[in-house]
Amino acid sequence: METFTNVRKNQDGDITAFKTNSGRELSYEEALREIESGHITGVNIGKARNGRPVIRGNADGNEANNLDNLSTF
């Protein structure tokens, strides 16, 4: 299984893409599909207030690996 190691953000600070530990770059939509199919670990899919799916890190008490705290690429 892969994990997310880096993120890409837009000018509003929203995550728009992910890089995995194997070096793959995934758009947000691709990442959703990979998580749903069980290929990415350490994250889950929730729902935003507007009903859209949102990718969240699994709660583990370690803020360093929160998606917003990952290095950008």
C-alpha atoms as a PDB file:
ATOM      1  CA  MET A   1       0.000   0.000   0.000  1.00  0.00           C
ATOM      2  CA  GLU A   2       1.044   3.554  -0.634  1.00  0.00           C
ATOM      3  CA  THR A   3       0.871   6.641   1.563  1.00  0.00           C
ATOM      4  CA  PHE A   4       0.791  10.340   0.759  1.00  0.00           C
ATOM      5  CA  THR A   5       4.103  12.121   1.292  1.00  0.00           C
ATOM      6  CA  ASN A   6       3.526  15.525  -0.318  1.00  0.00           C
ATOM      7  CA  VAL A   7       0.636  17.732  -1.392  1.00  0.00           C
ATOM      8  CA  ARG A   8       0.017  20.471  -3.936  1.00  0.00           C
ATOM      9  CA  LYS A   9      -2.138  23.414  -2.880  1.00  0.00           C
ATOM     10  CA  ASN A  10      -3.884  26.185  -4.784  1.00  0.00           C
ATOM     11  CA  GLN A  11      -3.577  29.859  -3.863  1.00  0.00           C
ATOM     12  CA  ASP A  12      -6.418  29.470  -1.334  1.00  0.00           C
ATOM     13  CA  GLY A  13      -4.462  26.757   0.496  1.00  0.00           C
ATOM     14  CA  ASP A  14      -6.758  23.935  -0.639  1.00  0.00           C
ATOM     15  CA  ILE A  15      -5.087  20.617  -1.449  1.00  0.00           C
ATOM     16  CA  THR A  16      -5.431  19.865  -5.164  1.00  0.00           C
ATOM     17  CA  ALA A  17      -3.017  16.954  -5.712  1.00  0.00           C
ATOM     18  CA  PHE A  18      -0.951  14.370  -3.861  1.00  0.00           C
ATOM     19  CA  LYS A  19       2.400  12.607  -4.253  1.00  0.00           C
ATOM     20  CA  THR A  20       2.782   9.072  -2.904  1.00  0.00           C
ATOM     21  CA  ASN A  21       5.761   7.340  -1.331  1.00  0.00           C
ATOM     22  CA  SER A  22       6.323   5.554  -4.650  1.00  0.00           C
ATOM     23  CA  GLY A  23       6.586   8.919  -6.456  1.00  0.00           C
ATOM     24  CA  ARG A  24       3.212   8.862  -8.190  1.00  0.00           C
ATOM     25  CA  GLU A  25       1.411  12.186  -8.552  1.00  0.00           C
ATOM     26  CA  LEU A  26      -2.374  12.007  -8.227  1.00  0.00           C
ATOM     27  CA  SER A  27      -5.010  14.645  -8.817  1.00  0.00           C
ATOM     28  CA  TYR A  28      -7.601  14.993  -6.067  1.00  0.00           C
ATOM     29  CA  GLU A  29     -10.069  12.921  -8.097  1.00  0.00           C
ATOM     30  CA  GLU A  30      -7.486  10.207  -8.791  1.00  0.00           C
ATOM     31  CA  ALA A  31      -6.601  10.134  -5.094  1.00  0.00           C
ATOM     32  CA  LEU A  32     -10.264   9.625  -4.177  1.00  0.00           C
ATOM     33  CA  ARG A  33     -10.450   6.608  -6.496  1.00  0.00           C
ATOM     34  CA  GLU A  34      -7.181   5.159  -5.150  1.00  0.00           C
ATOM     35  CA  ILE A  35      -8.387   5.495  -1.544  1.00  0.00           C
ATOM     36  CA  GLU A  36     -11.760   3.936  -2.372  1.00  0.00           C
ATOM     37  CA  SER A  37     -10.018   0.990  -4.047  1.00  0.00           C
ATOM     38  CA  GLY A  38      -7.781   0.439  -0.998  1.00  0.00           C
ATOM     39  CA  HIS A  39      -4.449   1.377  -2.614  1.00  0.00           C
ATOM     40  CA  ILE A  40      -3.699   4.292  -0.251  1.00  0.00           C
ATOM     41  CA  THR A  41      -3.388   3.874   3.515  1.00  0.00           C
ATOM     42  CA  GLY A  42      -3.463   6.383   6.372  1.00  0.00           C
ATOM     43  CA  VAL A  43      -6.374   8.403   4.997  1.00  0.00           C
ATOM     44  CA  ASN A  44     -10.135   8.224   4.702  1.00  0.00           C
ATOM     45  CA  ILE A  45     -12.899   9.955   2.790  1.00  0.00           C
ATOM     46  CA  GLY A  46     -15.411  12.109   4.621  1.00  0.00           C
ATOM     47  CA  LYS A  47     -18.035  14.580   3.465  1.00  0.00           C
ATOM     48  CA  ALA A  48     -17.705  18.332   3.510  1.00  0.00           C
ATOM     49  CA  ARG A  49     -20.602  20.533   4.609  1.00  0.00           C
ATOM     50  CA  ASN A  50     -21.550  20.968   0.965  1.00  0.00           C
ATOM     51  CA  GLY A  51     -21.752  17.175   0.536  1.00  0.00           C
ATOM     52  CA  ARG A  52     -18.612  16.803  -1.576  1.00  0.00           C
ATOM     53  CA  PRO A  53     -16.095  14.095  -0.672  1.00  0.00           C
ATOM     54  CA  VAL A  54     -13.047  15.265   1.263  1.00  0.00           C
ATOM     55  CA  ILE A  55      -9.801  13.387   1.891  1.00  0.00           C
ATOM     56  CA  ARG A  56      -8.740  13.348   5.541  1.00  0.00           C
ATOM     57  CA  GLY A  57      -5.804  11.825   7.361  1.00  0.00           C
ATOM     58  CA  ASN A  58      -6.630   9.123   9.876  1.00  0.00           C
ATOM     59  CA  ALA A  59      -6.555  10.451  13.419  1.00  0.00           C
ATOM     60  CA  ASP A  60      -3.389   9.187  15.093  1.00  0.00           C
ATOM     61  CA  GLY A  61      -2.392  12.068  17.377  1.00  0.00           C
ATOM     62  CA  ASN A  62       0.623  12.957  15.202  1.00  0.00           C
ATOM     63  CA  GLU A  63       0.141  16.424  13.695  1.00  0.00           C
ATOM     64  CA  ALA A  64       3.304  16.077  11.584  1.00  0.00           C
ATOM     65  CA  ASN A  65       1.581  13.678   9.197  1.00  0.00           C
ATOM     66  CA  ASN A  66      -1.664  15.654   8.855  1.00  0.00           C
ATOM     67  CA  LEU A  67      -2.315  16.293   5.176  1.00  0.00           C
ATOM     68  CA  ASP A  68      -2.146  20.081   5.604  1.00  0.00           C
ATOM     69  CA  ASN A  69       1.286  19.715   7.243  1.00  0.00           C
ATOM     70  CA  LEU A  70       2.881  17.607   4.492  1.00  0.00           C
ATOM     71  CA  SER A  71       5.541  19.233   2.326  1.00  0.00           C
ATOM     72  CA  THR A  72       4.388  20.722  -0.944  1.00  0.00           C
ATOM     73  CA  PHE A  73       5.615  19.754  -4.402  1.00  0.00           C
END
